[in-house]
């Protein structure tokens, strides 16, 4: 049992270091929305990206906490936003 816990912990640390995978629960993702437009968000690496084509906001995640301040967000180019939406199966 201890080895199983160790293996899971090692795998989680590996994902955090190599893939930038952050532990945000699906429940939290389901209730979060873009504070500017109230659009849905997609988890893309260590950021949340609004599905709103007009604003194309990206919000960073620090220490597993989404920073949902408009003034702290980044506005993506149309090309980058489109690429992220396609990667996550969203219509553009």
PDB file of N, CA and C in Angstrom:
ATOM      1  N   UNK A   1       0.824  -1.191   0.000  1.00  0.00           N
ATOM      2  CA  UNK A   1       0.000   0.000   0.000  1.00  0.00           C
ATOM      3  C   UNK A   1       0.874   1.263   0.000  1.00  0.00           C
ATOM      4  N   UNK A   2       1.919   1.269   0.783  1.00  0.00           N
ATOM      5  CA  UNK A   2       2.819   2.420   0.843  1.00  0.00           C
ATOM      6  C   UNK A   2       3.482   2.634  -0.508  1.00  0.00           C
ATOM      7  N   UNK A   3       3.853   1.536  -1.178  1.00  0.00           N
ATOM      8  CA  UNK A   3       4.490   1.664  -2.483  1.00  0.00           C
ATOM      9  C   UNK A   3       3.538   2.252  -3.511  1.00  0.00           C
ATOM     10  N   UNK A   4       2.289   1.875  -3.427  1.00  0.00           N
ATOM     11  CA  UNK A   4       1.295   2.402  -4.354  1.00  0.00           C
ATOM     12  C   UNK A   4       1.143   3.909  -4.172  1.00  0.00           C
ATOM     13  N   UNK A   5       1.089   4.367  -2.929  1.00  0.00           N
ATOM     14  CA  UNK A   5       1.008   5.803  -2.651  1.00  0.00           C
ATOM     15  C   UNK A   5       2.246   6.524  -3.161  1.00  0.00           C
ATOM     16  N   UNK A   6       3.405   5.923  -2.962  1.00  0.00           N
ATOM     17  CA  UNK A   6       4.661   6.506  -3.430  1.00  0.00           C
ATOM     18  C   UNK A   6       4.667   6.629  -4.952  1.00  0.00           C
ATOM     19  N   UNK A   7       4.194   5.595  -5.634  1.00  0.00           N
ATOM     20  CA  UNK A   7       4.156   5.609  -7.100  1.00  0.00           C
ATOM     21  C   UNK A   7       3.211   6.704  -7.591  1.00  0.00           C
ATOM     22  N   UNK A   8       2.037   6.834  -6.978  1.00  0.00           N
ATOM     23  CA  UNK A   8       1.081   7.872  -7.371  1.00  0.00           C
ATOM     24  C   UNK A   8       1.664   9.262  -7.137  1.00  0.00           C
ATOM     25  N   UNK A   9       2.321   9.457  -6.006  1.00  0.00           N
ATOM     26  CA  UNK A   9       2.925  10.745  -5.689  1.00  0.00           C
ATOM     27  C   UNK A   9       4.027  11.079  -6.693  1.00  0.00           C
ATOM     28  N   UNK A  10       4.858  10.101  -7.001  1.00  0.00           N
ATOM     29  CA  UNK A  10       5.938  10.298  -7.963  1.00  0.00           C
ATOM     30  C   UNK A  10       5.380  10.658  -9.330  1.00  0.00           C
ATOM     31  N   UNK A  11       4.318   9.975  -9.743  1.00  0.00           N
ATOM     32  CA  UNK A  11       3.689  10.255 -11.034  1.00  0.00           C
ATOM     33  C   UNK A  11       3.128  11.672 -11.058  1.00  0.00           C
ATOM     34  N   UNK A  12       2.472  12.102  -9.991  1.00  0.00           N
ATOM     35  CA  UNK A  12       1.909  13.449  -9.923  1.00  0.00           C
ATOM     36  C   UNK A  12       2.996  14.517  -9.980  1.00  0.00           C
ATOM     37  N   UNK A  13       4.090  14.295  -9.260  1.00  0.00           N
ATOM     38  CA  UNK A  13       5.207  15.244  -9.290  1.00  0.00           C
ATOM     39  C   UNK A  13       5.814  15.286 -10.690  1.00  0.00           C
ATOM     40  N   UNK A  14       5.960  14.137 -11.309  1.00  0.00           N
ATOM     41  CA  UNK A  14       6.489  14.068 -12.673  1.00  0.00           C
ATOM     42  C   UNK A  14       5.618  14.888 -13.625  1.00  0.00           C
ATOM     43  N   UNK A  15       4.289  14.729 -13.543  1.00  0.00           N
ATOM     44  CA  UNK A  15       3.376  15.484 -14.405  1.00  0.00           C
ATOM     45  C   UNK A  15       3.486  16.976 -14.158  1.00  0.00           C
ATOM     46  N   UNK A  16       3.593  17.374 -12.901  1.00  0.00           N
ATOM     47  CA  UNK A  16       3.709  18.796 -12.582  1.00  0.00           C
ATOM     48  C   UNK A  16       4.977  19.404 -13.176  1.00  0.00           C
ATOM     49  N   UNK A  17       6.065  18.660 -13.079  1.00  0.00           N
ATOM     50  CA  UNK A  17       7.350  19.174 -13.551  1.00  0.00           C
ATOM     51  C   UNK A  17       7.439  19.156 -15.071  1.00  0.00           C
ATOM     52  N   UNK A  18       7.048  18.055 -15.689  1.00  0.00           N
ATOM     53  CA  UNK A  18       7.286  17.897 -17.120  1.00  0.00           C
ATOM     54  C   UNK A  18       6.165  18.424 -18.000  1.00  0.00           C
ATOM     55  N   UNK A  19       4.940  18.359 -17.519  1.00  0.00           N
ATOM     56  CA  UNK A  19       3.823  18.706 -18.386  1.00  0.00           C
ATOM     57  C   UNK A  19       3.088  19.957 -17.945  1.00  0.00           C
ATOM     58  N   UNK A  20       3.428  20.499 -16.803  1.00  0.00           N
ATOM     59  CA  UNK A  20       2.709  21.660 -16.317  1.00  0.00           C
ATOM     60  C   UNK A  20       1.269  21.335 -15.978  1.00  0.00           C
ATOM     61  N   UNK A  21       0.994  20.111 -15.571  1.00  0.00           N
ATOM     62  CA  UNK A  21      -0.369  19.687 -15.250  1.00  0.00           C
ATOM     63  C   UNK A  21      -0.693  20.138 -13.839  1.00  0.00           C
ATOM     64  N   UNK A  22      -1.752  20.891 -13.700  1.00  0.00           N
ATOM     65  CA  UNK A  22      -2.144  21.393 -12.400  1.00  0.00           C
ATOM     66  C   UNK A  22      -3.422  20.709 -11.960  1.00  0.00           C
ATOM     67  N   UNK A  23      -3.590  20.596 -10.662  1.00  0.00           N
ATOM     68  CA  UNK A  23      -4.696  19.853 -10.099  1.00  0.00           C
ATOM     69  C   UNK A  23      -5.896  20.761  -9.822  1.00  0.00           C
ATOM     70  N   UNK A  24      -6.661  21.052 -10.860  1.00  0.00           N
ATOM     71  CA  UNK A  24      -7.899  21.797 -10.686  1.00  0.00           C
ATOM     72  C   UNK A  24      -9.024  20.803 -10.895  1.00  0.00           C
ATOM     73  N   UNK A  25      -9.927  20.731  -9.933  1.00  0.00           N
ATOM     74  CA  UNK A  25     -10.991  19.740 -10.015  1.00  0.00           C
ATOM     75  C   UNK A  25     -11.983  20.093 -11.106  1.00  0.00           C
ATOM     76  N   UNK A  26     -12.648  19.065 -11.617  1.00  0.00           N
ATOM     77  CA  UNK A  26     -13.672  19.272 -12.627  1.00  0.00           C
ATOM     78  C   UNK A  26     -14.824  20.097 -12.054  1.00  0.00           C
ATOM     79  N   UNK A  27     -15.112  19.917 -10.771  1.00  0.00           N
ATOM     80  CA  UNK A  27     -16.173  20.708 -10.133  1.00  0.00           C
ATOM     81  C   UNK A  27     -15.867  22.196 -10.207  1.00  0.00           C
ATOM     82  N   UNK A  28     -14.615  22.565  -9.949  1.00  0.00           N
ATOM     83  CA  UNK A  28     -14.223  23.968 -10.017  1.00  0.00           C
ATOM     84  C   UNK A  28     -14.303  24.475 -11.453  1.00  0.00           C
ATOM     85  N   UNK A  29     -13.834  23.661 -12.399  1.00  0.00           N
ATOM     86  CA  UNK A  29     -13.907  24.061 -13.805  1.00  0.00           C
ATOM     87  C   UNK A  29     -15.348  24.270 -14.252  1.00  0.00           C
ATOM     88  N   UNK A  30     -16.246  23.466 -13.731  1.00  0.00           N
ATOM     89  CA  UNK A  30     -17.657  23.561 -14.117  1.00  0.00           C
ATOM     90  C   UNK A  30     -18.311  24.858 -13.648  1.00  0.00           C
ATOM     91  N   UNK A  31     -17.820  25.444 -12.560  1.00  0.00           N
ATOM     92  CA  UNK A  31     -18.463  26.664 -12.059  1.00  0.00           C
ATOM     93  C   UNK A  31     -17.718  27.938 -12.443  1.00  0.00           C
ATOM     94  N   UNK A  32     -16.455  27.807 -12.828  1.00  0.00           N
ATOM     95  CA  UNK A  32     -15.698  28.997 -13.232  1.00  0.00           C
ATOM     96  C   UNK A  32     -16.135  29.475 -14.610  1.00  0.00           C
ATOM     97  N   UNK A  33     -16.108  30.783 -14.800  1.00  0.00           N
ATOM     98  CA  UNK A  33     -16.364  31.363 -16.110  1.00  0.00           C
ATOM     99  C   UNK A  33     -15.514  32.614 -16.252  1.00  0.00           C
ATOM    100  N   UNK A  34     -15.429  33.103 -17.459  1.00  0.00           N
ATOM    101  CA  UNK A  34     -14.682  34.328 -17.720  1.00  0.00           C
ATOM    102  C   UNK A  34     -15.373  35.480 -16.990  1.00  0.00           C
ATOM    103  N   UNK A  35     -14.661  36.211 -16.155  1.00  0.00           N
ATOM    104  CA  UNK A  35     -15.289  37.303 -15.418  1.00  0.00           C
ATOM    105  C   UNK A  35     -15.735  38.464 -16.314  1.00  0.00           C
ATOM    106  N   UNK A  36     -15.150  38.554 -17.494  1.00  0.00           N
ATOM    107  CA  UNK A  36     -15.504  39.648 -18.401  1.00  0.00           C
ATOM    108  C   UNK A  36     -16.773  39.353 -19.189  1.00  0.00           C
ATOM    109  N   UNK A  37     -16.895  38.114 -19.707  1.00  0.00           N
ATOM    110  CA  UNK A  37     -18.008  37.786 -20.607  1.00  0.00           C
ATOM    111  C   UNK A  37     -18.926  36.685 -20.089  1.00  0.00           C
ATOM    112  N   UNK A  38     -18.525  36.033 -19.015  1.00  0.00           N
ATOM    113  CA  UNK A  38     -19.253  34.887 -18.449  1.00  0.00           C
ATOM    114  C   UNK A  38     -19.205  33.659 -19.364  1.00  0.00           C
ATOM    115  N   UNK A  39     -18.268  33.647 -20.308  1.00  0.00           N
ATOM    116  CA  UNK A  39     -18.095  32.508 -21.212  1.00  0.00           C
ATOM    117  C   UNK A  39     -17.435  31.351 -20.476  1.00  0.00           C
ATOM    118  N   UNK A  40     -17.626  30.145 -21.012  1.00  0.00           N
ATOM    119  CA  UNK A  40     -16.964  28.963 -20.467  1.00  0.00           C
ATOM    120  C   UNK A  40     -15.460  29.089 -20.640  1.00  0.00           C
ATOM    121  N   UNK A  41     -14.729  28.276 -19.883  1.00  0.00           N
ATOM    122  CA  UNK A  41     -13.270  28.257 -19.937  1.00  0.00           C
ATOM    123  C   UNK A  41     -12.790  26.851 -20.268  1.00  0.00           C
ATOM    124  N   UNK A  42     -11.664  26.752 -20.926  1.00  0.00           N
ATOM    125  CA  UNK A  42     -11.009  25.459 -21.134  1.00  0.00           C
ATOM    126  C   UNK A  42      -9.660  25.483 -20.439  1.00  0.00           C
ATOM    127  N   UNK A  43      -9.306  24.350 -19.849  1.00  0.00           N
ATOM    128  CA  UNK A  43      -8.017  24.207 -19.184  1.00  0.00           C
ATOM    129  C   UNK A  43      -6.976  23.872 -20.238  1.00  0.00           C
ATOM    130  N   UNK A  44      -5.980  24.723 -20.378  1.00  0.00           N
ATOM    131  CA  UNK A  44      -4.922  24.532 -21.360  1.00  0.00           C
ATOM    132  C   UNK A  44      -3.581  24.660 -20.650  1.00  0.00           C
ATOM    133  N   UNK A  45      -3.003  23.530 -20.286  1.00  0.00           N
ATOM    134  CA  UNK A  45      -1.749  23.544 -19.523  1.00  0.00           C
ATOM    135  C   UNK A  45      -1.976  24.161 -18.162  1.00  0.00           C
ATOM    136  N   UNK A  46      -1.271  25.228 -17.855  1.00  0.00           N
ATOM    137  CA  UNK A  46      -1.417  25.899 -16.558  1.00  0.00           C
ATOM    138  C   UNK A  46      -2.182  27.213 -16.696  1.00  0.00           C
ATOM    139  N   UNK A  47      -3.109  27.238 -17.677  1.00  0.00           N
ATOM    140  CA  UNK A  47      -3.946  28.417 -17.877  1.00  0.00           C
ATOM    141  C   UNK A  47      -5.379  28.006 -18.148  1.00  0.00           C
ATOM    142  N   UNK A  48      -6.281  28.966 -17.973  1.00  0.00           N
ATOM    143  CA  UNK A  48      -7.676  28.814 -18.361  1.00  0.00           C
ATOM    144  C   UNK A  48      -7.937  29.800 -19.491  1.00  0.00           C
ATOM    145  N   UNK A  49      -8.548  29.328 -20.567  1.00  0.00           N
ATOM    146  CA  UNK A  49      -8.776  30.166 -21.738  1.00  0.00           C
ATOM    147  C   UNK A  49     -10.268  30.288 -21.984  1.00  0.00           C
ATOM    148  N   UNK A  50     -10.724  31.521 -22.160  1.00  0.00           N
ATOM    149  CA  UNK A  50     -12.133  31.787 -22.439  1.00  0.00           C
ATOM    150  C   UNK A  50     -12.474  31.318 -23.846  1.00  0.00           C
ATOM    151  N   UNK A  51     -13.673  30.761 -24.014  1.00  0.00           N
ATOM    152  CA  UNK A  51     -14.122  30.334 -25.335  1.00  0.00           C
ATOM    153  C   UNK A  51     -14.724  31.496 -26.126  1.00  0.00           C
ATOM    154  N   UNK A  52     -14.754  32.681 -25.546  1.00  0.00           N
ATOM    155  CA  UNK A  52     -15.303  33.857 -26.221  1.00  0.00           C
ATOM    156  C   UNK A  52     -14.335  34.364 -27.284  1.00  0.00           C
ATOM    157  N   UNK A  53     -14.778  34.355 -28.539  1.00  0.00           N
ATOM    158  CA  UNK A  53     -13.907  34.726 -29.662  1.00  0.00           C
ATOM    159  C   UNK A  53     -13.554  36.217 -29.674  1.00  0.00           C
ATOM    160  N   UNK A  54     -14.424  37.046 -29.143  1.00  0.00           N
ATOM    161  CA  UNK A  54     -14.167  38.488 -29.177  1.00  0.00           C
ATOM    162  C   UNK A  54     -13.084  38.916 -28.188  1.00  0.00           C
ATOM    163  N   UNK A  55     -13.092  38.337 -26.988  1.00  0.00           N
ATOM    164  CA  UNK A  55     -12.124  38.772 -25.970  1.00  0.00           C
ATOM    165  C   UNK A  55     -10.881  37.894 -25.914  1.00  0.00           C
ATOM    166  N   UNK A  56     -11.025  36.583 -26.147  1.00  0.00           N
ATOM    167  CA  UNK A  56      -9.898  35.634 -26.196  1.00  0.00           C
ATOM    168  C   UNK A  56      -8.988  35.739 -24.971  1.00  0.00           C
ATOM    169  N   UNK A  57      -9.563  35.791 -23.781  1.00  0.00           N
ATOM    170  CA  UNK A  57      -8.793  35.958 -22.543  1.00  0.00           C
ATOM    171  C   UNK A  57      -8.149  34.652 -22.087  1.00  0.00           C
ATOM    172  N   UNK A  58      -6.912  34.783 -21.559  1.00  0.00           N
ATOM    173  CA  UNK A  58      -6.222  33.650 -20.935  1.00  0.00           C
ATOM    174  C   UNK A  58      -5.871  34.067 -19.511  1.00  0.00           C
ATOM    175  N   UNK A  59      -6.260  33.211 -18.552  1.00  0.00           N
ATOM    176  CA  UNK A  59      -6.017  33.448 -17.124  1.00  0.00           C
ATOM    177  C   UNK A  59      -5.015  32.424 -16.627  1.00  0.00           C
ATOM    178  N   UNK A  60      -4.000  32.881 -15.927  1.00  0.00           N
ATOM    179  CA  UNK A  60      -2.963  31.969 -15.434  1.00  0.00           C
ATOM    180  C   UNK A  60      -3.432  31.271 -14.149  1.00  0.00           C
ATOM    181  N   UNK A  61      -2.752  30.195 -13.838  1.00  0.00           N
ATOM    182  CA  UNK A  61      -3.004  29.441 -12.615  1.00  0.00           C
ATOM    183  C   UNK A  61      -1.703  29.428 -11.829  1.00  0.00           C
ATOM    184  N   UNK A  62      -1.756  29.869 -10.589  1.00  0.00           N
ATOM    185  CA  UNK A  62      -0.572  29.888  -9.718  1.00  0.00           C
ATOM    186  C   UNK A  62      -0.859  29.068  -8.475  1.00  0.00           C
ATOM    187  N   UNK A  63      -0.002  28.098  -8.192  1.00  0.00           N
ATOM    188  CA  UNK A  63      -0.162  27.227  -7.017  1.00  0.00           C
ATOM    189  C   UNK A  63      -1.565  26.635  -6.957  1.00  0.00           C
ATOM    190  N   UNK A  64      -2.044  26.153  -8.112  1.00  0.00           N
ATOM    191  CA  UNK A  64      -3.365  25.535  -8.255  1.00  0.00           C
ATOM    192  C   UNK A  64      -4.520  26.515  -8.026  1.00  0.00           C
ATOM    193  N   UNK A  65      -4.264  27.811  -8.064  1.00  0.00           N
ATOM    194  CA  UNK A  65      -5.310  28.816  -7.862  1.00  0.00           C
ATOM    195  C   UNK A  65      -5.448  29.638  -9.141  1.00  0.00           C
ATOM    196  N   UNK A  66      -6.622  29.596  -9.769  1.00  0.00           N
ATOM    197  CA  UNK A  66      -6.833  30.424 -10.963  1.00  0.00           C
ATOM    198  C   UNK A  66      -6.857  31.910 -10.597  1.00  0.00           C
ATOM    199  N   UNK A  67      -6.123  32.707 -11.331  1.00  0.00           N
ATOM    200  CA  UNK A  67      -6.103  34.158 -11.127  1.00  0.00           C
ATOM    201  C   UNK A  67      -7.114  34.749 -12.114  1.00  0.00           C
ATOM    202  N   UNK A  68      -8.322  35.000 -11.614  1.00  0.00           N
ATOM    203  CA  UNK A  68      -9.439  35.375 -12.478  1.00  0.00           C
ATOM    204  C   UNK A  68      -9.677  36.884 -12.488  1.00  0.00           C
ATOM    205  N   UNK A  69      -8.616  37.645 -12.561  1.00  0.00           N
ATOM    206  CA  UNK A  69      -8.716  39.092 -12.634  1.00  0.00           C
ATOM    207  C   UNK A  69      -8.512  39.529 -14.087  1.00  0.00           C
ATOM    208  N   UNK A  70      -9.445  40.305 -14.602  1.00  0.00           N
ATOM    209  CA  UNK A  70      -9.357  40.735 -15.997  1.00  0.00           C
ATOM    210  C   UNK A  70      -8.050  41.473 -16.259  1.00  0.00           C
ATOM    211  N   UNK A  71      -7.681  42.358 -15.334  1.00  0.00           N
ATOM    212  CA  UNK A  71      -6.457  43.137 -15.543  1.00  0.00           C
ATOM    213  C   UNK A  71      -5.182  42.284 -15.468  1.00  0.00           C
ATOM    214  N   UNK A  72      -5.281  41.083 -14.925  1.00  0.00           N
ATOM    215  CA  UNK A  72      -4.133  40.167 -14.855  1.00  0.00           C
ATOM    216  C   UNK A  72      -4.139  39.162 -16.013  1.00  0.00           C
ATOM    217  N   UNK A  73      -5.200  39.174 -16.817  1.00  0.00           N
ATOM    218  CA  UNK A  73      -5.311  38.216 -17.916  1.00  0.00           C
ATOM    219  C   UNK A  73      -4.533  38.699 -19.130  1.00  0.00           C
ATOM    220  N   UNK A  74      -4.437  37.807 -20.087  1.00  0.00           N
ATOM    221  CA  UNK A  74      -3.745  38.104 -21.334  1.00  0.00           C
ATOM    222  C   UNK A  74      -4.749  37.942 -22.468  1.00  0.00           C
ATOM    223  N   UNK A  75      -4.722  38.840 -23.445  1.00  0.00           N
ATOM    224  CA  UNK A  75      -5.581  38.670 -24.609  1.00  0.00           C
ATOM    225  C   UNK A  75      -4.777  37.985 -25.698  1.00  0.00           C
ATOM    226  N   UNK A  76      -5.265  36.828 -26.123  1.00  0.00           N
ATOM    227  CA  UNK A  76      -4.560  36.027 -27.123  1.00  0.00           C
ATOM    228  C   UNK A  76      -4.800  36.567 -28.522  1.00  0.00           C
ATOM    229  N   UNK A  77      -3.863  36.290 -29.406  1.00  0.00           N
ATOM    230  CA  UNK A  77      -4.085  36.593 -30.821  1.00  0.00           C
ATOM    231  C   UNK A  77      -5.163  35.646 -31.340  1.00  0.00           C
ATOM    232  N   UNK A  78      -5.786  36.016 -32.430  1.00  0.00           N
ATOM    233  CA  UNK A  78      -6.825  35.166 -33.025  1.00  0.00           C
ATOM    234  C   UNK A  78      -6.243  33.804 -33.386  1.00  0.00           C
ATOM    235  N   UNK A  79      -5.036  33.788 -33.915  1.00  0.00           N
ATOM    236  CA  UNK A  79      -4.406  32.531 -34.335  1.00  0.00           C
ATOM    237  C   UNK A  79      -4.142  31.614 -33.148  1.00  0.00           C
ATOM    238  N   UNK A  80      -3.589  32.160 -32.070  1.00  0.00           N
ATOM    239  CA  UNK A  80      -3.291  31.331 -30.901  1.00  0.00           C
ATOM    240  C   UNK A  80      -4.575  30.829 -30.247  1.00  0.00           C
ATOM    241  N   UNK A  81      -5.570  31.705 -30.124  1.00  0.00           N
ATOM    242  CA  UNK A  81      -6.852  31.317 -29.529  1.00  0.00           C
ATOM    243  C   UNK A  81      -7.512  30.215 -30.358  1.00  0.00           C
ATOM    244  N   UNK A  82      -7.512  30.373 -31.679  1.00  0.00           N
ATOM    245  CA  UNK A  82      -8.112  29.371 -32.568  1.00  0.00           C
ATOM    246  C   UNK A  82      -7.424  28.028 -32.411  1.00  0.00           C
ATOM    247  N   UNK A  83      -6.109  28.034 -32.316  1.00  0.00           N
ATOM    248  CA  UNK A  83      -5.344  26.797 -32.137  1.00  0.00           C
ATOM    249  C   UNK A  83      -5.726  26.095 -30.832  1.00  0.00           C
ATOM    250  N   UNK A  84      -5.853  26.855 -29.758  1.00  0.00           N
ATOM    251  CA  UNK A  84      -6.226  26.279 -28.454  1.00  0.00           C
ATOM    252  C   UNK A  84      -7.640  25.709 -28.495  1.00  0.00           C
ATOM    253  N   UNK A  85      -8.552  26.436 -29.116  1.00  0.00           N
ATOM    254  CA  UNK A  85      -9.945  25.964 -29.198  1.00  0.00           C
ATOM    255  C   UNK A  85     -10.030  24.676 -29.999  1.00  0.00           C
ATOM    256  N   UNK A  86      -9.315  24.606 -31.125  1.00  0.00           N
ATOM    257  CA  UNK A  86      -9.313  23.382 -31.945  1.00  0.00           C
ATOM    258  C   UNK A  86      -8.712  22.221 -31.169  1.00  0.00           C
ATOM    259  N   UNK A  87      -7.646  22.492 -30.417  1.00  0.00           N
ATOM    260  CA  UNK A  87      -6.984  21.442 -29.622  1.00  0.00           C
ATOM    261  C   UNK A  87      -7.945  20.840 -28.607  1.00  0.00           C
ATOM    262  N   UNK A  88      -8.877  21.650 -28.108  1.00  0.00           N
ATOM    263  CA  UNK A  88      -9.818  21.190 -27.092  1.00  0.00           C
ATOM    264  C   UNK A  88     -11.195  20.859 -27.665  1.00  0.00           C
ATOM    265  N   UNK A  89     -11.288  20.769 -28.986  1.00  0.00           N
ATOM    266  CA  UNK A  89     -12.529  20.347 -29.639  1.00  0.00           C
ATOM    267  C   UNK A  89     -13.649  21.366 -29.582  1.00  0.00           C
ATOM    268  N   UNK A  90     -13.311  22.631 -29.465  1.00  0.00           N
ATOM    269  CA  UNK A  90     -14.312  23.701 -29.419  1.00  0.00           C
ATOM    270  C   UNK A  90     -14.483  24.300 -30.807  1.00  0.00           C
ATOM    271  N   UNK A  91     -15.700  24.728 -31.113  1.00  0.00           N
ATOM    272  CA  UNK A  91     -15.936  25.372 -32.404  1.00  0.00           C
ATOM    273  C   UNK A  91     -15.347  26.772 -32.403  1.00  0.00           C
ATOM    274  N   UNK A  92     -14.875  27.200 -33.561  1.00  0.00           N
ATOM    275  CA  UNK A  92     -14.255  28.533 -33.650  1.00  0.00           C
ATOM    276  C   UNK A  92     -15.016  29.459 -34.551  1.00  0.00           C
TER     277      UNK A  92
END
